[in-house]
Amino acid sequence: MQIEVAVMGAVGRITLNRPEALNALSGSMLDGVRAALDAWRQDPAVAVILLEGAGRGLSAGADVRLVRDAIVAGRPDRARAYFRREYALDLTIARYPKPVVALADGVTMGGGVGLAGHAAVRVVTPRSAVAMPETRIGFTPDVGGSLLLGRAPGRWGEYLALGAVTMTGADAVAAGFADLLVPAERIGEVPAALAAALGAGGAAEPGGAAEPGGGGGARAAPEIARAAVERLAVPAPTSGLATAADRIDASYSAESVPAILDRLRAAAAAGDVAAAREADAILSHSPTALAVALESVRRARLLPDLAAALAQEYALACWFVDTQPDFPEGVRAQVVDKDRRPAWHPARPADVDPRTVAAAFDYVPAEPLW
């Protein structure tokens, strides 16, 4: 079983259970999570949903090997269908009438961020590793990640997207990808805490008020769920992103990827060792994906909500699937053969034609998202 579903008191518990693949999201996993949410939507016995992962993290992301296999087999329609299922689930979690508590403990990347990043209560630990690493595989941040990146402070979104930077738990809280940091040794207490809080006096109709209980008075279920986790949480330590905010903003506010690289090189020449590392990392990623990701994050800042961001990302995902060799090549190099030597086309950020980026945002998918 790639997911485990159980009810613990008032808690509907969904555990992603594919630890040998870091819980990479297969199609059956997406469907299983969706089925559980559908079953509990009107169930008065279930007041809160807990989403967690077995093994070393919540989820390393979408099953991009599966998506690549579809592209290579000449069935891009299957790849597009996968993204529709994934994005629909992300929106379902965001709009779910009962609070979803997501435990982003350990590896939470790409599609894992899509599940956790839009939940009502988003929990990380000191061992969390949170990232949108799509530019490494010739793709662009999706699953609503462009919206989270766009709404991060300053120019953190550009920095995280272009460099495929992995955040700590403290970084994720500071960047707006998470709400609460719970010590790793206490994360196992979350299910019982939720069950106690939502069972004794917390169960409520979806979106309604809970019955008074335990002297706490009537409160909405999301508030009770968050309060239950807050009692286990600790203040997040200072984020490395916050410490580097000024230098990040100075470089990543430039108008294009080549201009950002120029600023990083200038900073490196002045002795900024981190800037040199960042430039090297960016240069190892797909130039086309970098250009599209930069524009995607900046456009996402102007979008009204998650549905609009997912619609923009879906069109971009279809463009990559249907037209771009960098996506299957990036998955080959990073996931299939693992030689870490992708052959990008074009090979340099300076060689990406602005008309290519414009075409990506003008692309009309063969099938609508919704």
Protein backbone atom coordinates (compact mmCIF):
# COMPACT_ATOMS: atom_id res chain seq x y z
CA MET A 1 0.00 0.00 0.00
CA GLN A 2 1.52 3.32 -1.11
CA ILE A 3 -0.72 5.25 1.27
CA GLU A 4 -2.19 4.29 4.62
CA VAL A 5 -5.51 5.73 5.74
CA ALA A 6 -6.87 5.53 9.27
CA VAL A 7 -9.14 7.37 11.69
CA MET A 8 -7.79 8.17 15.15
CA GLY A 9 -10.56 9.72 17.19
CA ALA A 10 -11.55 12.86 15.31
CA VAL A 11 -8.39 12.75 13.16
CA GLY A 12 -8.40 11.40 9.62
CA ARG A 13 -4.82 10.28 9.14
CA ILE A 14 -3.20 9.93 5.70
CA THR A 15 0.32 8.54 5.57
CA LEU A 16 2.27 8.51 2.32
CA ASN A 17 3.93 5.11 2.40
CA ARG A 18 6.45 4.76 -0.38
CA PRO A 19 9.62 5.33 1.65
CA GLU A 20 11.90 3.52 -0.79
CA ALA A 21 11.17 6.35 -3.27
CA LEU A 22 11.05 9.12 -0.62
CA ASN A 23 7.27 9.02 -1.09
CA ALA A 24 7.45 10.28 -4.68
CA LEU A 25 3.84 10.77 -5.72
CA SER A 26 2.60 8.06 -8.03
CA GLY A 27 -0.77 8.42 -9.72
CA SER A 28 -2.32 5.93 -7.34
CA MET A 29 -1.06 7.94 -4.37
CA LEU A 30 -2.67 11.09 -5.71
CA ASP A 31 -5.92 9.23 -6.24
CA GLY A 32 -5.74 7.60 -2.80
CA VAL A 33 -5.29 10.89 -0.98
CA ARG A 34 -8.12 12.42 -2.98
CA ALA A 35 -10.42 9.46 -2.21
CA ALA A 36 -9.75 9.75 1.52
CA LEU A 37 -10.48 13.47 1.49
CA ASP A 38 -13.68 12.90 -0.45
CA ALA A 39 -14.79 10.22 2.02
CA TRP A 40 -14.18 12.44 5.06
CA ARG A 41 -15.58 15.65 3.62
CA GLN A 42 -19.07 15.09 5.07
CA ASP A 43 -18.15 12.61 7.81
CA PRO A 44 -19.12 14.24 11.14
CA ALA A 45 -16.75 11.94 13.05
CA VAL A 46 -13.68 13.39 11.31
CA ALA A 47 -12.86 16.97 12.31
CA VAL A 48 -9.26 17.35 11.11
CA ILE A 49 -6.98 15.73 8.53
CA LEU A 50 -3.36 14.85 9.29
CA LEU A 51 -1.05 14.39 6.30
CA GLU A 52 2.34 12.80 6.94
CA GLY A 53 4.96 10.62 5.29
CA ALA A 54 6.65 7.36 6.21
CA GLY A 55 10.43 7.21 6.31
CA ARG A 56 12.72 10.19 5.74
CA GLY A 57 10.20 12.82 4.70
CA LEU A 58 6.74 13.80 3.58
CA SER A 59 7.48 13.54 -0.15
CA ALA A 60 10.40 14.21 -2.47
CA GLY A 61 7.93 15.35 -5.11
CA ALA A 62 6.11 14.14 -8.18
CA ASP A 63 7.05 10.82 -9.72
CA VAL A 64 8.98 12.53 -12.51
CA ARG A 65 10.33 9.21 -13.73
CA LEU A 66 6.74 8.24 -14.56
CA VAL A 67 6.19 11.56 -16.33
CA ARG A 68 9.40 11.18 -18.33
CA ASP A 69 8.46 7.64 -19.32
CA ALA A 70 5.20 8.96 -20.78
CA ILE A 71 7.01 11.65 -22.76
CA VAL A 72 9.65 9.26 -24.09
CA ALA A 73 6.93 6.76 -25.06
CA GLY A 74 5.25 9.41 -27.18
CA ARG A 75 2.32 9.81 -24.77
CA PRO A 76 2.55 13.41 -23.55
CA ASP A 77 -1.19 13.23 -22.91
CA ARG A 78 -0.47 10.91 -19.98
CA ALA A 79 2.08 13.34 -18.58
CA ARG A 80 -0.40 16.19 -18.85
CA ALA A 81 -3.06 14.07 -17.15
CA TYR A 82 -0.70 13.42 -14.24
CA PHE A 83 -0.24 17.14 -13.67
CA ARG A 84 -4.00 17.74 -13.80
CA ARG A 85 -4.55 15.14 -11.07
CA GLU A 86 -1.73 16.55 -8.96
CA TYR A 87 -2.79 20.18 -9.21
CA ALA A 88 -6.45 19.32 -8.55
CA LEU A 89 -5.39 17.61 -5.32
CA ASP A 90 -3.31 20.62 -4.26
CA LEU A 91 -6.31 22.90 -4.74
CA THR A 92 -8.57 20.45 -2.89
CA ILE A 93 -6.27 20.59 0.13
CA ALA A 94 -6.21 24.38 0.06
CA ARG A 95 -10.01 24.60 -0.14
CA TYR A 96 -10.87 21.66 2.10
CA PRO A 97 -13.70 22.49 4.54
CA LYS A 98 -11.89 20.85 7.47
CA PRO A 99 -8.40 21.81 8.61
CA VAL A 100 -5.55 19.87 7.01
CA VAL A 101 -2.44 19.64 9.18
CA ALA A 102 0.63 18.74 7.10
CA LEU A 103 3.81 17.42 8.70
CA ALA A 104 6.67 18.44 6.42
CA ASP A 105 9.18 16.55 8.54
CA GLY A 106 12.30 15.60 6.58
CA VAL A 107 12.43 15.78 2.79
CA THR A 108 9.56 17.89 1.40
CA MET A 109 10.21 19.01 -2.15
CA GLY A 110 8.31 19.80 -5.33
CA GLY A 111 5.04 17.88 -5.20
CA GLY A 112 5.51 17.46 -1.45
CA VAL A 113 5.39 21.23 -1.12
CA GLY A 114 2.20 21.15 -3.20
CA LEU A 115 0.57 18.95 -0.57
CA ALA A 116 1.96 20.66 2.52
CA GLY A 117 2.38 24.25 1.41
CA HIS A 118 -1.34 24.96 1.00
CA ALA A 119 -2.60 23.16 4.12
CA ALA A 120 -4.31 25.00 6.97
CA VAL A 121 -1.52 24.20 9.43
CA ARG A 122 1.96 23.59 7.99
CA VAL A 123 4.46 22.03 10.34
CA VAL A 124 8.23 21.62 9.92
CA THR A 125 10.99 20.33 12.18
CA PRO A 126 14.72 21.07 12.49
CA ARG A 127 15.39 18.14 10.15
CA SER A 128 13.09 19.44 7.40
CA ALA A 129 14.56 19.95 3.93
CA VAL A 130 12.11 22.02 1.88
CA ALA A 131 12.73 22.98 -1.74
CA MET A 132 11.32 23.67 -5.17
CA PRO A 133 14.20 22.08 -7.16
CA GLU A 134 12.59 21.99 -10.60
CA THR A 135 15.24 23.97 -12.48
CA ARG A 136 17.66 21.10 -11.79
CA ILE A 137 15.53 18.83 -13.99
CA GLY A 138 14.72 21.31 -16.75
CA PHE A 139 11.30 22.25 -15.38
CA THR A 140 9.68 25.15 -13.54
CA PRO A 141 8.29 25.47 -10.00
CA ASP A 142 4.71 24.20 -9.99
CA VAL A 143 2.08 22.76 -7.57
CA GLY A 144 1.40 26.34 -6.46
CA GLY A 145 5.07 26.74 -5.59
CA SER A 146 5.41 29.78 -7.82
CA LEU A 147 2.81 31.54 -5.64
CA LEU A 148 4.63 30.66 -2.41
CA LEU A 149 7.90 31.79 -3.97
CA GLY A 150 6.36 34.99 -5.28
CA ARG A 151 4.97 35.84 -1.85
CA ALA A 152 8.20 35.15 0.03
CA PRO A 153 9.97 38.23 1.42
CA GLY A 154 12.07 40.38 -0.88
CA ARG A 155 13.71 38.47 -3.69
CA TRP A 156 13.88 35.18 -1.82
CA GLY A 157 11.57 33.62 -4.37
CA GLU A 158 13.98 34.21 -7.24
CA TYR A 159 16.88 32.96 -5.13
CA LEU A 160 15.10 29.76 -4.08
CA ALA A 161 13.75 29.01 -7.56
CA LEU A 162 16.82 29.67 -9.68
CA GLY A 163 19.26 27.96 -7.34
CA ALA A 164 16.86 25.14 -6.40
CA VAL A 165 17.89 26.01 -2.85
CA THR A 166 16.97 23.68 0.00
CA MET A 167 15.49 25.42 3.03
CA THR A 168 15.79 24.39 6.65
CA GLY A 169 12.70 24.30 8.82
CA ALA A 170 13.53 27.79 10.10
CA ASP A 171 13.95 29.02 6.53
CA ALA A 172 10.59 27.54 5.54
CA VAL A 173 8.83 29.41 8.35
CA ALA A 174 10.59 32.68 7.49
CA ALA A 175 9.81 32.29 3.77
CA GLY A 176 6.11 31.56 4.33
CA PHE A 177 6.24 27.89 3.35
CA ALA A 178 5.43 26.73 6.91
CA ASP A 179 3.68 28.01 10.03
CA LEU A 180 5.11 26.15 13.01
CA LEU A 181 8.36 24.42 13.94
CA VAL A 182 8.03 21.40 16.23
CA PRO A 183 11.11 19.69 17.73
CA ALA A 184 11.79 16.42 15.93
CA GLU A 185 11.47 14.45 19.15
CA ARG A 186 7.92 15.77 19.64
CA ILE A 187 6.55 15.38 16.13
CA GLY A 188 5.15 11.98 17.07
CA GLU A 189 2.91 13.67 19.63
CA VAL A 190 0.98 15.66 17.03
CA PRO A 191 -1.65 12.99 16.17
CA ALA A 192 -2.65 12.45 19.80
CA ALA A 193 -2.66 16.20 20.47
CA LEU A 194 -5.03 16.77 17.57
CA ALA A 195 -7.25 13.86 18.59
CA ALA A 196 -7.50 15.17 22.14
CA ALA A 197 -8.20 18.75 21.09
CA LEU A 198 -10.67 18.04 18.30
CA GLY A 199 -12.35 15.10 19.99
CA ALA A 200 -13.20 16.40 23.45
CA GLY A 201 -14.47 19.83 22.54
CA GLY A 202 -13.37 20.59 19.06
CA ALA A 203 -15.38 18.65 16.48
CA ALA A 204 -17.39 21.03 14.38
CA GLU A 205 -19.32 21.11 11.20
CA PRO A 206 -17.07 22.05 8.26
CA GLY A 207 -16.31 25.75 8.54
CA GLY A 208 -18.54 26.10 11.59
CA ALA A 209 -18.06 26.58 15.29
CA ALA A 210 -17.14 23.82 17.66
CA GLU A 211 -19.27 22.93 20.64
CA PRO A 212 -17.95 24.40 23.87
CA GLY A 213 -15.79 21.92 25.74
CA GLY A 214 -13.15 21.87 28.41
CA GLY A 215 -13.92 25.48 29.32
CA GLY A 216 -12.46 26.69 26.06
CA GLY A 217 -15.59 28.10 24.51
CA ALA A 218 -16.74 27.70 20.92
CA ARG A 219 -13.96 27.93 18.37
CA ALA A 220 -13.60 26.96 14.73
CA ALA A 221 -11.84 23.66 14.08
CA PRO A 222 -8.85 25.28 12.26
CA GLU A 223 -8.13 27.44 15.29
CA ILE A 224 -8.28 24.44 17.64
CA ALA A 225 -6.03 22.37 15.36
CA ARG A 226 -3.42 25.10 15.18
CA ALA A 227 -3.55 25.67 18.94
CA ALA A 228 -3.01 21.96 19.58
CA VAL A 229 0.14 21.95 17.45
CA GLU A 230 1.34 25.29 18.84
CA ARG A 231 1.57 23.71 22.29
CA LEU A 232 4.25 21.40 20.89
CA ALA A 233 6.03 24.05 18.81
CA VAL A 234 9.03 26.20 19.63
CA PRO A 235 10.11 29.55 18.18
CA ALA A 236 11.97 29.03 14.93
CA PRO A 237 15.63 29.99 15.14
CA THR A 238 16.98 32.78 12.98
CA SER A 239 16.75 31.84 9.34
CA GLY A 240 19.81 31.85 7.13
CA LEU A 241 17.60 33.46 4.48
CA ALA A 242 16.84 36.37 6.80
CA THR A 243 20.51 36.79 7.60
CA ALA A 244 21.37 36.97 3.89
CA ALA A 245 18.31 39.01 2.87
CA ASP A 246 20.15 42.15 1.79
CA ARG A 247 22.67 40.35 -0.41
CA ILE A 248 19.92 38.15 -1.90
CA ASP A 249 17.82 41.18 -2.79
CA ALA A 250 20.79 43.00 -4.29
CA SER A 251 21.60 40.22 -6.75
CA TYR A 252 18.24 38.63 -7.49
CA SER A 253 16.37 41.85 -8.25
CA ALA A 254 18.19 42.07 -11.60
CA GLU A 255 15.97 41.91 -14.66
CA SER A 256 17.12 38.60 -16.17
CA VAL A 257 19.06 35.44 -15.39
CA PRO A 258 22.23 36.69 -17.15
CA ALA A 259 21.97 39.98 -15.24
CA ILE A 260 21.57 38.10 -11.95
CA LEU A 261 24.64 36.05 -12.80
CA ASP A 262 26.56 39.25 -13.55
CA ARG A 263 25.71 40.62 -10.11
CA LEU A 264 26.67 37.35 -8.43
CA ARG A 265 30.00 37.32 -10.27
CA ALA A 266 30.67 40.91 -9.22
CA ALA A 267 29.87 40.02 -5.61
CA ALA A 268 32.12 36.96 -5.85
CA ALA A 269 34.97 39.09 -7.21
CA ALA A 270 34.56 41.31 -4.16
CA GLY A 271 35.02 38.32 -1.88
CA ASP A 272 31.48 36.96 -1.49
CA VAL A 273 32.08 33.21 -1.43
CA ALA A 274 28.34 32.42 -1.24
CA ALA A 275 27.70 34.40 -4.42
CA ALA A 276 30.29 32.33 -6.28
CA ARG A 277 28.62 29.10 -5.14
CA GLU A 278 25.22 30.41 -6.18
CA ALA A 279 26.43 31.35 -9.64
CA ASP A 280 27.93 27.90 -10.12
CA ALA A 281 24.69 26.23 -9.01
CA ILE A 282 22.57 28.33 -11.35
CA LEU A 283 24.87 27.59 -14.28
CA SER A 284 24.37 23.85 -13.71
CA HIS A 285 20.61 24.13 -14.22
CA SER A 286 18.59 24.29 -17.43
CA PRO A 287 18.93 27.76 -18.98
CA THR A 288 15.45 27.56 -20.46
CA ALA A 289 13.95 26.45 -17.16
CA LEU A 290 15.76 29.26 -15.34
CA ALA A 291 14.35 31.91 -17.65
CA VAL A 292 10.81 30.55 -17.39
CA ALA A 293 11.04 30.07 -13.61
CA LEU A 294 12.20 33.65 -13.10
CA GLU A 295 9.29 35.01 -15.10
CA SER A 296 6.86 32.62 -13.41
CA VAL A 297 7.77 33.74 -9.91
CA ARG A 298 7.52 37.39 -10.87
CA ARG A 299 4.17 36.95 -12.59
CA ALA A 300 2.88 34.95 -9.62
CA ARG A 301 3.33 38.02 -7.42
CA LEU A 302 0.51 39.62 -9.37
CA LEU A 303 -1.85 36.64 -9.29
CA PRO A 304 -4.86 36.69 -6.95
CA ASP A 305 -4.88 33.16 -5.60
CA LEU A 306 -3.73 29.56 -5.80
CA ALA A 307 -6.15 28.59 -8.58
CA ALA A 308 -4.71 31.30 -10.83
CA ALA A 309 -1.15 30.21 -10.03
CA LEU A 310 -1.95 26.58 -10.79
CA ALA A 311 -3.52 27.57 -14.10
CA GLN A 312 -0.37 29.47 -15.07
CA GLU A 313 1.83 26.58 -13.96
CA TYR A 314 -0.25 24.01 -15.82
CA ALA A 315 0.17 25.83 -19.11
CA LEU A 316 3.92 26.01 -18.48
CA ALA A 317 4.07 22.34 -17.50
CA CYS A 318 2.32 21.37 -20.74
CA TRP A 319 4.72 23.55 -22.72
CA PHE A 320 7.69 21.75 -21.16
CA VAL A 321 6.10 18.34 -21.72
CA ASP A 322 5.05 19.01 -25.30
CA THR A 323 7.93 21.05 -26.66
CA GLN A 324 11.08 21.05 -24.51
CA PRO A 325 13.85 18.42 -24.53
CA ASP A 326 15.37 19.77 -21.32
CA PHE A 327 12.66 18.26 -19.10
CA PRO A 328 13.10 14.57 -20.00
CA GLU A 329 16.86 15.13 -20.27
CA GLY A 330 17.00 16.65 -16.80
CA VAL A 331 15.04 13.78 -15.29
CA ARG A 332 17.34 11.32 -17.06
CA ALA A 333 20.45 12.96 -15.65
CA GLN A 334 19.17 13.47 -12.10
CA VAL A 335 16.79 10.56 -11.52
CA VAL A 336 17.20 7.79 -14.10
CA ASP A 337 20.90 7.51 -14.97
CA LYS A 338 22.02 9.81 -12.14
CA ASP A 339 25.12 10.89 -14.04
CA ARG A 340 24.40 14.54 -13.14
CA ARG A 341 25.53 15.55 -16.63
CA PRO A 342 22.51 16.90 -18.48
CA ALA A 343 22.90 18.22 -22.01
CA TRP A 344 20.84 21.41 -22.00
CA HIS A 345 19.55 23.09 -25.18
CA PRO A 346 20.54 25.88 -25.26
CA ALA A 347 23.52 25.38 -22.99
CA ARG A 348 23.95 28.93 -21.64
CA PRO A 349 21.51 31.39 -20.04
CA ALA A 350 22.68 34.10 -22.44
CA ASP A 351 21.52 31.97 -25.37
CA VAL A 352 17.86 31.72 -24.30
CA ASP A 353 15.76 33.70 -26.77
CA PRO A 354 13.24 35.98 -25.02
CA ARG A 355 10.70 34.81 -27.60
CA THR A 356 11.03 31.31 -26.15
CA VAL A 357 9.92 32.55 -22.73
CA ALA A 358 7.06 34.50 -24.29
CA ALA A 359 5.94 31.35 -26.11
CA ALA A 360 5.90 29.43 -22.84
CA PHE A 361 3.47 31.88 -21.26
CA ASP A 362 1.32 32.05 -24.40
CA TYR A 363 1.01 28.25 -24.61
CA VAL A 364 -2.50 26.78 -24.68
CA PRO A 365 -2.67 23.19 -23.35
CA ALA A 366 -4.48 20.53 -25.33
CA GLU A 367 -6.74 19.82 -22.35
CA PRO A 368 -8.01 22.36 -19.82
CA LEU A 369 -6.85 22.11 -16.23
CA TRP A 370 -10.28 22.24 -14.63
